[in-house]
């Protein structure tokens, strides 16, 4: 293994883990995974490479704000183990309900409330993830996007650091863009 190229090794591990995470999600006829089945697997895998401050919620709860585009794909993650404990899934209807969450996902359908929600969650030890266009550029921590048939992500490192959240350098190497990285 070439230590100067950890991103390729990590990518292989992440993809293997991703495929294992969504096993049983696709139909028995090997239908391709849907966009949100893959995004659900990304959310789960992010929990393995993020460290929250001691002030974060004691439970590893992934919350989906307002509309839920995941359907049963997210429910399949309920109880899965991570380095930060077993994952719990919760649907919330406003940023005021996010107090017990470690991750909050804001779907593209919620683009109008995304800015308001990000402001309400500012500096909270909550990892904000969304697929709203320009999410990471506008203050969200991780933006997940479908690009050329693949899921890619951007990271706003400054927003994560302001909240006391540490994202592994192994994940940063895989990001399409990293905002707020100091040289």
N, C-alpha and C. Protein backbone atom coordinates (compact mmCIF):
# COMPACT_ATOMS: atom_id res chain seq x y z
N UNK A 1 0.84 -1.17 0.00
CA UNK A 1 0.00 0.00 0.00
C UNK A 1 0.89 1.24 0.00
N UNK A 2 0.61 2.16 -0.88
CA UNK A 2 1.36 3.40 -0.99
C UNK A 2 0.76 4.42 -0.03
N UNK A 3 1.49 4.79 1.01
CA UNK A 3 0.96 5.70 2.03
C UNK A 3 0.76 7.11 1.50
N UNK A 4 1.36 7.42 0.38
CA UNK A 4 1.16 8.74 -0.20
C UNK A 4 -0.18 8.81 -0.91
N UNK A 5 -0.85 7.73 -1.12
CA UNK A 5 -2.12 7.69 -1.85
C UNK A 5 -3.21 7.03 -0.98
N UNK A 6 -3.42 7.50 0.25
CA UNK A 6 -4.40 6.85 1.11
C UNK A 6 -5.82 6.96 0.58
N UNK A 7 -6.08 7.94 -0.28
CA UNK A 7 -7.44 8.11 -0.75
C UNK A 7 -7.90 6.94 -1.60
N UNK A 8 -7.03 6.36 -2.42
CA UNK A 8 -7.44 5.22 -3.24
C UNK A 8 -7.73 4.00 -2.37
N UNK A 9 -6.86 3.74 -1.41
CA UNK A 9 -7.09 2.64 -0.48
C UNK A 9 -8.37 2.88 0.30
N UNK A 10 -8.52 4.09 0.81
CA UNK A 10 -9.71 4.42 1.59
C UNK A 10 -10.95 4.32 0.72
N UNK A 11 -10.85 4.77 -0.53
CA UNK A 11 -12.00 4.71 -1.43
C UNK A 11 -12.44 3.26 -1.62
N UNK A 12 -11.49 2.36 -1.80
CA UNK A 12 -11.84 0.95 -1.94
C UNK A 12 -12.52 0.43 -0.69
N UNK A 13 -11.99 0.80 0.48
CA UNK A 13 -12.60 0.37 1.74
C UNK A 13 -13.98 0.98 1.91
N UNK A 14 -14.11 2.26 1.58
CA UNK A 14 -15.40 2.94 1.71
C UNK A 14 -16.43 2.32 0.78
N UNK A 15 -16.03 2.06 -0.46
CA UNK A 15 -16.96 1.46 -1.41
C UNK A 15 -17.35 0.05 -0.99
N UNK A 16 -16.40 -0.72 -0.48
CA UNK A 16 -16.73 -2.06 0.01
C UNK A 16 -17.70 -1.97 1.17
N UNK A 17 -17.40 -1.07 2.09
CA UNK A 17 -18.28 -0.87 3.23
C UNK A 17 -19.64 -0.37 2.79
N UNK A 18 -19.64 0.52 1.80
CA UNK A 18 -20.88 1.06 1.26
C UNK A 18 -21.75 -0.05 0.69
N UNK A 19 -21.14 -0.92 -0.09
CA UNK A 19 -21.91 -2.01 -0.69
C UNK A 19 -22.43 -2.97 0.38
N UNK A 20 -21.62 -3.22 1.40
CA UNK A 20 -22.08 -4.08 2.49
C UNK A 20 -23.20 -3.40 3.27
N UNK A 21 -23.13 -2.09 3.41
CA UNK A 21 -24.13 -1.35 4.16
C UNK A 21 -25.50 -1.41 3.52
N UNK A 22 -25.52 -1.44 2.21
CA UNK A 22 -26.80 -1.45 1.53
C UNK A 22 -27.19 -2.84 1.05
N UNK A 23 -26.48 -3.87 1.52
CA UNK A 23 -26.86 -5.22 1.10
C UNK A 23 -28.27 -5.49 1.56
N UNK A 24 -29.01 -6.09 0.72
CA UNK A 24 -30.41 -6.36 1.03
C UNK A 24 -31.32 -5.21 0.64
N UNK A 25 -30.76 -4.10 0.21
CA UNK A 25 -31.57 -2.96 -0.18
C UNK A 25 -32.13 -3.13 -1.57
N UNK A 26 -31.31 -3.62 -2.47
CA UNK A 26 -31.76 -3.80 -3.85
C UNK A 26 -32.61 -5.07 -3.95
N UNK A 27 -33.42 -5.12 -4.95
CA UNK A 27 -34.26 -6.28 -5.17
C UNK A 27 -33.40 -7.49 -5.49
N UNK A 28 -33.99 -8.68 -5.34
CA UNK A 28 -33.25 -9.91 -5.55
C UNK A 28 -32.75 -10.03 -6.99
N UNK A 29 -33.38 -9.33 -7.92
CA UNK A 29 -32.95 -9.42 -9.31
C UNK A 29 -31.78 -8.50 -9.62
N UNK A 30 -31.09 -8.02 -8.59
CA UNK A 30 -29.88 -7.19 -8.72
C UNK A 30 -30.17 -5.87 -9.42
N UNK A 31 -31.34 -5.30 -9.15
CA UNK A 31 -31.66 -3.98 -9.69
C UNK A 31 -30.66 -2.98 -9.13
N UNK A 32 -30.32 -1.95 -9.89
CA UNK A 32 -29.35 -0.97 -9.38
C UNK A 32 -29.90 -0.24 -8.17
N UNK A 33 -29.00 0.23 -7.34
CA UNK A 33 -29.40 0.97 -6.15
C UNK A 33 -29.94 2.33 -6.56
N UNK A 34 -30.93 2.80 -5.82
CA UNK A 34 -31.47 4.13 -6.09
C UNK A 34 -30.51 5.18 -5.53
N UNK A 35 -30.68 6.41 -5.96
CA UNK A 35 -29.85 7.52 -5.47
C UNK A 35 -29.89 7.59 -3.95
N UNK A 36 -31.07 7.47 -3.38
CA UNK A 36 -31.19 7.64 -1.93
C UNK A 36 -30.78 6.40 -1.14
N UNK A 37 -30.76 5.24 -1.75
CA UNK A 37 -30.18 4.07 -1.09
C UNK A 37 -28.67 4.28 -0.94
N UNK A 38 -28.04 4.79 -1.98
CA UNK A 38 -26.60 5.05 -1.92
C UNK A 38 -26.31 6.19 -0.94
N UNK A 39 -27.12 7.25 -0.98
CA UNK A 39 -26.91 8.36 -0.05
C UNK A 39 -27.09 7.91 1.40
N UNK A 40 -28.03 7.00 1.65
CA UNK A 40 -28.20 6.46 3.00
C UNK A 40 -26.94 5.74 3.45
N UNK A 41 -26.33 4.98 2.56
CA UNK A 41 -25.09 4.29 2.89
C UNK A 41 -23.96 5.29 3.16
N UNK A 42 -23.90 6.37 2.40
CA UNK A 42 -22.91 7.41 2.66
C UNK A 42 -23.11 7.99 4.06
N UNK A 43 -24.35 8.28 4.42
CA UNK A 43 -24.63 8.85 5.75
C UNK A 43 -24.11 7.92 6.84
N UNK A 44 -24.41 6.66 6.70
CA UNK A 44 -23.94 5.68 7.68
C UNK A 44 -22.42 5.66 7.74
N UNK A 45 -21.77 5.64 6.60
CA UNK A 45 -20.31 5.59 6.58
C UNK A 45 -19.66 6.86 7.11
N UNK A 46 -20.31 8.00 6.93
CA UNK A 46 -19.77 9.23 7.52
C UNK A 46 -19.69 9.11 9.04
N UNK A 47 -20.63 8.40 9.66
CA UNK A 47 -20.61 8.28 11.13
C UNK A 47 -19.35 7.58 11.63
N UNK A 48 -18.71 6.81 10.77
CA UNK A 48 -17.50 6.08 11.15
C UNK A 48 -16.25 6.96 11.11
N UNK A 49 -16.34 8.11 10.43
CA UNK A 49 -15.16 8.94 10.21
C UNK A 49 -15.34 10.37 10.71
N UNK A 50 -16.23 10.54 11.67
CA UNK A 50 -16.48 11.85 12.25
C UNK A 50 -16.38 11.73 13.76
N UNK A 51 -15.78 12.73 14.38
CA UNK A 51 -15.72 12.79 15.84
C UNK A 51 -16.49 14.02 16.30
N UNK A 52 -17.38 13.81 17.26
CA UNK A 52 -18.17 14.89 17.82
C UNK A 52 -17.58 15.32 19.15
N UNK A 53 -17.81 16.56 19.55
CA UNK A 53 -17.31 17.02 20.85
C UNK A 53 -18.11 16.38 21.99
N UNK A 54 -17.59 16.47 23.18
CA UNK A 54 -18.26 15.88 24.36
C UNK A 54 -19.65 16.48 24.59
N UNK A 55 -19.89 17.67 24.07
CA UNK A 55 -21.18 18.33 24.27
C UNK A 55 -22.27 17.80 23.34
N UNK A 56 -21.92 16.92 22.41
CA UNK A 56 -22.90 16.37 21.45
C UNK A 56 -23.85 15.42 22.17
N UNK A 57 -24.97 15.17 21.54
CA UNK A 57 -25.95 14.21 22.06
C UNK A 57 -25.27 12.88 22.34
N UNK A 58 -25.61 12.22 23.44
CA UNK A 58 -24.96 10.94 23.75
C UNK A 58 -25.33 9.82 22.78
N UNK A 59 -26.47 9.92 22.13
CA UNK A 59 -26.86 8.87 21.19
C UNK A 59 -26.50 9.27 19.77
N UNK A 60 -26.23 8.28 18.94
CA UNK A 60 -25.89 8.51 17.54
C UNK A 60 -27.20 8.51 16.75
N UNK A 61 -27.82 9.68 16.68
CA UNK A 61 -29.12 9.81 16.03
C UNK A 61 -29.00 10.61 14.75
N UNK A 62 -29.47 10.00 13.67
CA UNK A 62 -29.53 10.65 12.36
C UNK A 62 -30.95 11.14 12.18
N UNK A 63 -31.11 12.44 12.02
CA UNK A 63 -32.43 13.03 11.85
C UNK A 63 -32.60 13.52 10.42
N UNK A 64 -33.79 13.35 9.89
CA UNK A 64 -34.14 13.84 8.57
C UNK A 64 -35.14 14.96 8.79
N UNK A 65 -34.80 16.15 8.28
CA UNK A 65 -35.63 17.32 8.48
C UNK A 65 -36.72 17.41 7.42
N UNK A 66 -37.96 17.53 7.86
CA UNK A 66 -39.14 17.66 7.00
C UNK A 66 -39.30 16.49 6.06
N UNK A 67 -39.33 16.73 4.75
CA UNK A 67 -39.59 15.65 3.79
C UNK A 67 -38.46 14.64 3.78
N UNK A 68 -38.84 13.36 3.74
CA UNK A 68 -37.88 12.26 3.77
C UNK A 68 -37.83 11.57 2.42
N UNK A 69 -36.77 11.80 1.63
CA UNK A 69 -36.67 11.15 0.32
C UNK A 69 -36.13 9.72 0.38
N UNK A 70 -35.71 9.27 1.57
CA UNK A 70 -35.05 7.97 1.69
C UNK A 70 -36.01 6.78 1.69
N UNK A 71 -37.19 6.96 2.24
CA UNK A 71 -38.11 5.84 2.38
C UNK A 71 -37.51 4.78 3.28
N UNK A 72 -37.72 3.51 2.96
CA UNK A 72 -37.24 2.43 3.84
C UNK A 72 -35.71 2.26 3.84
N UNK A 73 -35.00 2.86 2.90
CA UNK A 73 -33.53 2.71 2.85
C UNK A 73 -32.89 3.19 4.14
N UNK A 74 -33.40 4.26 4.70
CA UNK A 74 -32.83 4.80 5.93
C UNK A 74 -33.22 3.94 7.14
N UNK A 75 -34.43 3.42 7.11
CA UNK A 75 -34.88 2.57 8.22
C UNK A 75 -34.04 1.32 8.36
N UNK A 76 -33.46 0.85 7.26
CA UNK A 76 -32.62 -0.35 7.31
C UNK A 76 -31.31 -0.10 8.08
N UNK A 77 -30.98 1.16 8.28
CA UNK A 77 -29.76 1.49 9.03
C UNK A 77 -29.99 1.52 10.53
N UNK A 78 -31.23 1.53 10.95
CA UNK A 78 -31.57 1.58 12.37
C UNK A 78 -30.86 0.45 13.12
N UNK A 79 -30.12 0.83 14.17
CA UNK A 79 -29.44 -0.14 15.01
C UNK A 79 -28.08 -0.60 14.51
N UNK A 80 -27.69 -0.22 13.28
CA UNK A 80 -26.37 -0.62 12.77
C UNK A 80 -25.28 0.01 13.63
N UNK A 81 -24.25 -0.75 13.90
CA UNK A 81 -23.15 -0.27 14.74
C UNK A 81 -22.20 0.61 13.97
N UNK A 82 -21.67 1.59 14.67
CA UNK A 82 -20.65 2.49 14.15
C UNK A 82 -19.63 2.67 15.26
N UNK A 83 -18.53 3.29 14.95
CA UNK A 83 -17.52 3.58 15.98
C UNK A 83 -18.11 4.47 17.08
N UNK A 84 -19.18 5.18 16.75
CA UNK A 84 -19.81 6.09 17.70
C UNK A 84 -21.06 5.51 18.34
N UNK A 85 -21.31 4.22 18.17
CA UNK A 85 -22.46 3.56 18.78
C UNK A 85 -23.48 3.13 17.75
N UNK A 86 -24.60 2.55 18.21
CA UNK A 86 -25.64 2.11 17.28
C UNK A 86 -26.40 3.32 16.72
N UNK A 87 -26.71 3.27 15.44
CA UNK A 87 -27.39 4.37 14.77
C UNK A 87 -28.89 4.32 15.01
N UNK A 88 -29.44 5.47 15.32
CA UNK A 88 -30.89 5.63 15.45
C UNK A 88 -31.33 6.60 14.36
N UNK A 89 -32.53 6.40 13.84
CA UNK A 89 -33.07 7.23 12.78
C UNK A 89 -34.33 7.91 13.31
N UNK A 90 -34.45 9.20 13.02
CA UNK A 90 -35.59 9.97 13.51
C UNK A 90 -35.99 11.00 12.46
N UNK A 91 -37.27 11.19 12.28
CA UNK A 91 -37.76 12.24 11.38
C UNK A 91 -38.19 13.42 12.25
N UNK A 92 -37.73 14.62 11.87
CA UNK A 92 -38.09 15.82 12.62
C UNK A 92 -38.74 16.84 11.68
N UNK A 93 -39.48 17.77 12.26
CA UNK A 93 -40.24 18.73 11.44
C UNK A 93 -39.75 20.17 11.58
N UNK A 94 -38.66 20.36 12.30
CA UNK A 94 -38.09 21.70 12.43
C UNK A 94 -36.75 21.62 13.13
N UNK A 95 -35.93 22.64 12.93
CA UNK A 95 -34.60 22.66 13.54
C UNK A 95 -34.68 22.65 15.06
N UNK A 96 -35.79 23.12 15.61
CA UNK A 96 -35.98 23.12 17.06
C UNK A 96 -36.04 21.73 17.66
N UNK A 97 -36.32 20.72 16.84
CA UNK A 97 -36.39 19.34 17.30
C UNK A 97 -35.05 18.62 17.16
N UNK A 98 -34.01 19.30 16.73
CA UNK A 98 -32.73 18.67 16.42
C UNK A 98 -31.82 18.49 17.62
N UNK A 99 -32.25 18.86 18.80
CA UNK A 99 -31.40 18.79 19.99
C UNK A 99 -30.81 17.43 20.27
N UNK A 100 -31.51 16.35 20.00
CA UNK A 100 -31.01 15.01 20.27
C UNK A 100 -30.33 14.36 19.07
N UNK A 101 -30.06 15.14 18.04
CA UNK A 101 -29.48 14.61 16.81
C UNK A 101 -27.98 14.85 16.77
N UNK A 102 -27.24 13.92 16.19
CA UNK A 102 -25.83 14.16 15.89
C UNK A 102 -25.65 14.49 14.42
N UNK A 103 -26.57 14.04 13.57
CA UNK A 103 -26.56 14.35 12.15
C UNK A 103 -27.96 14.81 11.77
N UNK A 104 -28.02 15.83 10.94
CA UNK A 104 -29.31 16.27 10.38
C UNK A 104 -29.16 16.32 8.87
N UNK A 105 -30.07 15.62 8.17
CA UNK A 105 -30.08 15.63 6.72
C UNK A 105 -31.21 16.53 6.24
N UNK A 106 -30.87 17.43 5.31
CA UNK A 106 -31.85 18.33 4.72
C UNK A 106 -31.90 18.02 3.23
N UNK A 107 -33.07 17.54 2.77
CA UNK A 107 -33.22 17.12 1.37
C UNK A 107 -33.43 18.32 0.46
N UNK A 108 -33.15 18.11 -0.82
CA UNK A 108 -33.30 19.17 -1.83
C UNK A 108 -34.71 19.73 -1.85
N UNK A 109 -35.70 18.90 -1.55
CA UNK A 109 -37.09 19.38 -1.52
C UNK A 109 -37.29 20.45 -0.46
N UNK A 110 -36.37 20.52 0.49
CA UNK A 110 -36.47 21.48 1.59
C UNK A 110 -35.55 22.68 1.39
N UNK A 111 -35.25 23.01 0.14
CA UNK A 111 -34.27 24.06 -0.13
C UNK A 111 -34.67 25.41 0.47
N UNK A 112 -35.95 25.67 0.57
CA UNK A 112 -36.40 26.94 1.15
C UNK A 112 -36.05 27.02 2.63
N UNK A 113 -36.19 25.89 3.35
CA UNK A 113 -35.91 25.90 4.79
C UNK A 113 -34.45 25.61 5.11
N UNK A 114 -33.66 25.24 4.10
CA UNK A 114 -32.26 24.88 4.36
C UNK A 114 -31.49 26.01 5.01
N UNK A 115 -31.58 27.20 4.46
CA UNK A 115 -30.85 28.34 5.02
C UNK A 115 -31.29 28.67 6.43
N UNK A 116 -32.59 28.65 6.66
CA UNK A 116 -33.13 28.92 7.99
C UNK A 116 -32.65 27.86 8.98
N UNK A 117 -32.71 26.61 8.57
CA UNK A 117 -32.30 25.51 9.44
C UNK A 117 -30.81 25.57 9.75
N UNK A 118 -30.00 25.88 8.75
CA UNK A 118 -28.56 25.97 8.98
C UNK A 118 -28.24 27.08 9.97
N UNK A 119 -28.94 28.19 9.86
CA UNK A 119 -28.74 29.29 10.81
C UNK A 119 -29.14 28.86 12.22
N UNK A 120 -30.24 28.15 12.34
CA UNK A 120 -30.71 27.69 13.64
C UNK A 120 -29.75 26.67 14.26
N UNK A 121 -29.06 25.89 13.42
CA UNK A 121 -28.16 24.86 13.92
C UNK A 121 -26.71 25.34 14.02
N UNK A 122 -26.46 26.59 13.63
CA UNK A 122 -25.11 27.16 13.66
C UNK A 122 -24.41 26.86 14.97
N UNK A 123 -23.19 26.39 14.86
CA UNK A 123 -22.31 26.13 16.00
C UNK A 123 -22.82 25.05 16.95
N UNK A 124 -23.91 24.36 16.60
CA UNK A 124 -24.35 23.20 17.40
C UNK A 124 -23.47 22.02 17.02
N UNK A 125 -23.23 21.10 17.94
CA UNK A 125 -22.41 19.94 17.59
C UNK A 125 -23.20 18.91 16.78
N UNK A 126 -23.79 19.37 15.69
CA UNK A 126 -24.63 18.54 14.82
C UNK A 126 -24.05 18.59 13.41
N UNK A 127 -23.74 17.44 12.86
CA UNK A 127 -23.23 17.36 11.49
C UNK A 127 -24.39 17.59 10.53
N UNK A 128 -24.34 18.67 9.76
CA UNK A 128 -25.42 18.97 8.82
C UNK A 128 -25.03 18.46 7.44
N UNK A 129 -25.94 17.68 6.85
CA UNK A 129 -25.71 17.06 5.55
C UNK A 129 -26.94 17.35 4.70
N UNK A 130 -26.72 17.69 3.44
CA UNK A 130 -27.85 17.94 2.57
C UNK A 130 -27.52 17.74 1.11
N UNK A 131 -28.57 17.67 0.31
CA UNK A 131 -28.35 17.57 -1.13
C UNK A 131 -28.96 18.75 -1.86
N UNK A 132 -29.14 19.83 -1.13
CA UNK A 132 -29.57 21.10 -1.70
C UNK A 132 -28.39 21.67 -2.49
N UNK A 133 -28.62 22.19 -3.67
CA UNK A 133 -27.53 22.74 -4.49
C UNK A 133 -26.74 23.78 -3.69
N UNK A 134 -25.42 23.65 -3.70
CA UNK A 134 -24.55 24.58 -3.00
C UNK A 134 -24.60 24.47 -1.48
N UNK A 135 -25.05 23.34 -0.95
CA UNK A 135 -25.25 23.18 0.49
C UNK A 135 -23.99 23.48 1.30
N UNK A 136 -22.87 22.88 0.95
CA UNK A 136 -21.63 23.09 1.70
C UNK A 136 -21.10 24.50 1.51
N UNK A 137 -21.30 25.05 0.34
CA UNK A 137 -20.84 26.41 0.06
C UNK A 137 -21.65 27.43 0.86
N UNK A 138 -22.90 27.10 1.21
CA UNK A 138 -23.78 28.02 1.93
C UNK A 138 -23.77 27.81 3.44
N UNK A 139 -22.87 26.98 3.95
CA UNK A 139 -22.76 26.83 5.40
C UNK A 139 -23.07 25.45 5.94
N UNK A 140 -23.60 24.55 5.10
CA UNK A 140 -23.80 23.16 5.53
C UNK A 140 -22.44 22.48 5.60
N UNK A 141 -22.35 21.39 6.34
CA UNK A 141 -21.06 20.74 6.52
C UNK A 141 -20.71 19.76 5.41
N UNK A 142 -21.69 18.96 4.96
CA UNK A 142 -21.44 18.02 3.87
C UNK A 142 -22.59 18.11 2.88
N UNK A 143 -22.26 18.36 1.62
CA UNK A 143 -23.25 18.36 0.55
C UNK A 143 -23.07 17.11 -0.29
N UNK A 144 -24.14 16.34 -0.44
CA UNK A 144 -24.12 15.11 -1.26
C UNK A 144 -24.84 15.39 -2.56
N UNK A 145 -24.22 15.04 -3.68
CA UNK A 145 -24.81 15.36 -4.98
C UNK A 145 -24.68 14.19 -5.94
N UNK A 146 -25.66 14.09 -6.82
CA UNK A 146 -25.60 13.13 -7.91
C UNK A 146 -24.97 13.85 -9.09
N UNK A 147 -23.83 13.33 -9.56
CA UNK A 147 -23.11 13.95 -10.68
C UNK A 147 -22.64 12.84 -11.63
N UNK A 148 -23.09 12.90 -12.85
CA UNK A 148 -22.72 11.90 -13.86
C UNK A 148 -23.00 10.47 -13.38
N UNK A 149 -24.13 10.29 -12.71
CA UNK A 149 -24.52 8.97 -12.25
C UNK A 149 -23.81 8.49 -11.00
N UNK A 150 -23.00 9.34 -10.38
CA UNK A 150 -22.27 8.96 -9.17
C UNK A 150 -22.58 9.96 -8.06
N UNK A 151 -22.51 9.48 -6.82
CA UNK A 151 -22.67 10.36 -5.67
C UNK A 151 -21.31 10.96 -5.34
N UNK A 152 -21.25 12.28 -5.28
CA UNK A 152 -20.04 13.00 -4.89
C UNK A 152 -20.40 13.88 -3.70
N UNK A 153 -19.39 14.36 -3.00
CA UNK A 153 -19.70 15.23 -1.87
C UNK A 153 -18.68 16.34 -1.71
N UNK A 154 -19.18 17.45 -1.17
CA UNK A 154 -18.36 18.61 -0.82
C UNK A 154 -18.40 18.75 0.70
N UNK A 155 -17.33 19.29 1.27
CA UNK A 155 -17.25 19.46 2.72
C UNK A 155 -16.91 20.90 3.04
N UNK A 156 -17.63 21.46 4.01
CA UNK A 156 -17.33 22.78 4.53
C UNK A 156 -16.62 22.55 5.87
N UNK A 157 -15.31 22.49 5.81
CA UNK A 157 -14.50 22.18 6.99
C UNK A 157 -14.60 23.28 8.04
N UNK A 158 -14.70 24.53 7.61
CA UNK A 158 -14.81 25.64 8.56
C UNK A 158 -16.09 25.52 9.39
N UNK A 159 -17.21 25.16 8.75
CA UNK A 159 -18.48 24.99 9.47
C UNK A 159 -18.39 23.85 10.47
N UNK A 160 -17.77 22.74 10.06
CA UNK A 160 -17.62 21.60 10.96
C UNK A 160 -16.75 21.97 12.17
N UNK A 161 -15.64 22.63 11.91
CA UNK A 161 -14.74 23.03 13.01
C UNK A 161 -15.42 24.00 13.97
N UNK A 162 -16.23 24.93 13.43
CA UNK A 162 -16.94 25.89 14.28
C UNK A 162 -17.89 25.16 15.23
N UNK A 163 -18.39 24.01 14.83
CA UNK A 163 -19.29 23.22 15.66
C UNK A 163 -18.54 22.22 16.54
N UNK A 164 -17.21 22.20 16.45
CA UNK A 164 -16.41 21.28 17.25
C UNK A 164 -16.36 19.87 16.68
N UNK A 165 -16.75 19.72 15.41
CA UNK A 165 -16.79 18.41 14.76
C UNK A 165 -15.51 18.20 13.95
N UNK A 166 -14.93 17.02 14.07
CA UNK A 166 -13.72 16.67 13.33
C UNK A 166 -14.07 15.63 12.28
N UNK A 167 -13.75 15.94 11.03
CA UNK A 167 -13.98 15.01 9.93
C UNK A 167 -12.62 14.44 9.54
N UNK A 168 -12.54 13.13 9.47
CA UNK A 168 -11.28 12.44 9.18
C UNK A 168 -10.67 12.93 7.86
N UNK A 169 -9.36 13.03 7.86
CA UNK A 169 -8.66 13.43 6.64
C UNK A 169 -8.88 12.41 5.53
N UNK A 170 -9.18 11.18 5.89
CA UNK A 170 -9.45 10.16 4.87
C UNK A 170 -10.71 10.50 4.09
N UNK A 171 -11.69 11.09 4.73
CA UNK A 171 -12.91 11.53 4.05
C UNK A 171 -12.63 12.80 3.26
N UNK A 172 -11.85 13.70 3.82
CA UNK A 172 -11.52 14.95 3.13
C UNK A 172 -10.84 14.68 1.79
N UNK A 173 -10.00 13.64 1.74
CA UNK A 173 -9.30 13.29 0.49
C UNK A 173 -10.27 12.83 -0.60
N UNK A 174 -11.41 12.33 -0.20
CA UNK A 174 -12.38 11.81 -1.17
C UNK A 174 -13.38 12.87 -1.64
N UNK A 175 -13.41 13.99 -0.94
CA UNK A 175 -14.38 15.04 -1.28
C UNK A 175 -14.04 15.66 -2.63
N UNK A 176 -15.09 16.05 -3.33
CA UNK A 176 -14.90 16.76 -4.60
C UNK A 176 -14.32 18.14 -4.32
N UNK A 177 -14.84 18.81 -3.31
CA UNK A 177 -14.33 20.12 -2.88
C UNK A 177 -14.32 20.18 -1.36
N UNK A 178 -13.36 20.90 -0.80
CA UNK A 178 -13.31 21.15 0.63
C UNK A 178 -13.22 22.66 0.80
N UNK A 179 -14.24 23.23 1.43
CA UNK A 179 -14.26 24.66 1.71
C UNK A 179 -13.71 24.92 3.10
N UNK A 180 -13.00 26.03 3.26
CA UNK A 180 -12.51 26.43 4.59
C UNK A 180 -11.31 25.68 5.06
N UNK A 181 -10.56 25.06 4.17
CA UNK A 181 -9.35 24.35 4.57
C UNK A 181 -8.21 25.36 4.63
N UNK A 182 -7.55 25.41 5.78
CA UNK A 182 -6.42 26.33 5.92
C UNK A 182 -5.14 25.62 5.48
N UNK A 183 -4.26 26.35 4.80
CA UNK A 183 -3.02 25.71 4.31
C UNK A 183 -2.08 25.32 5.42
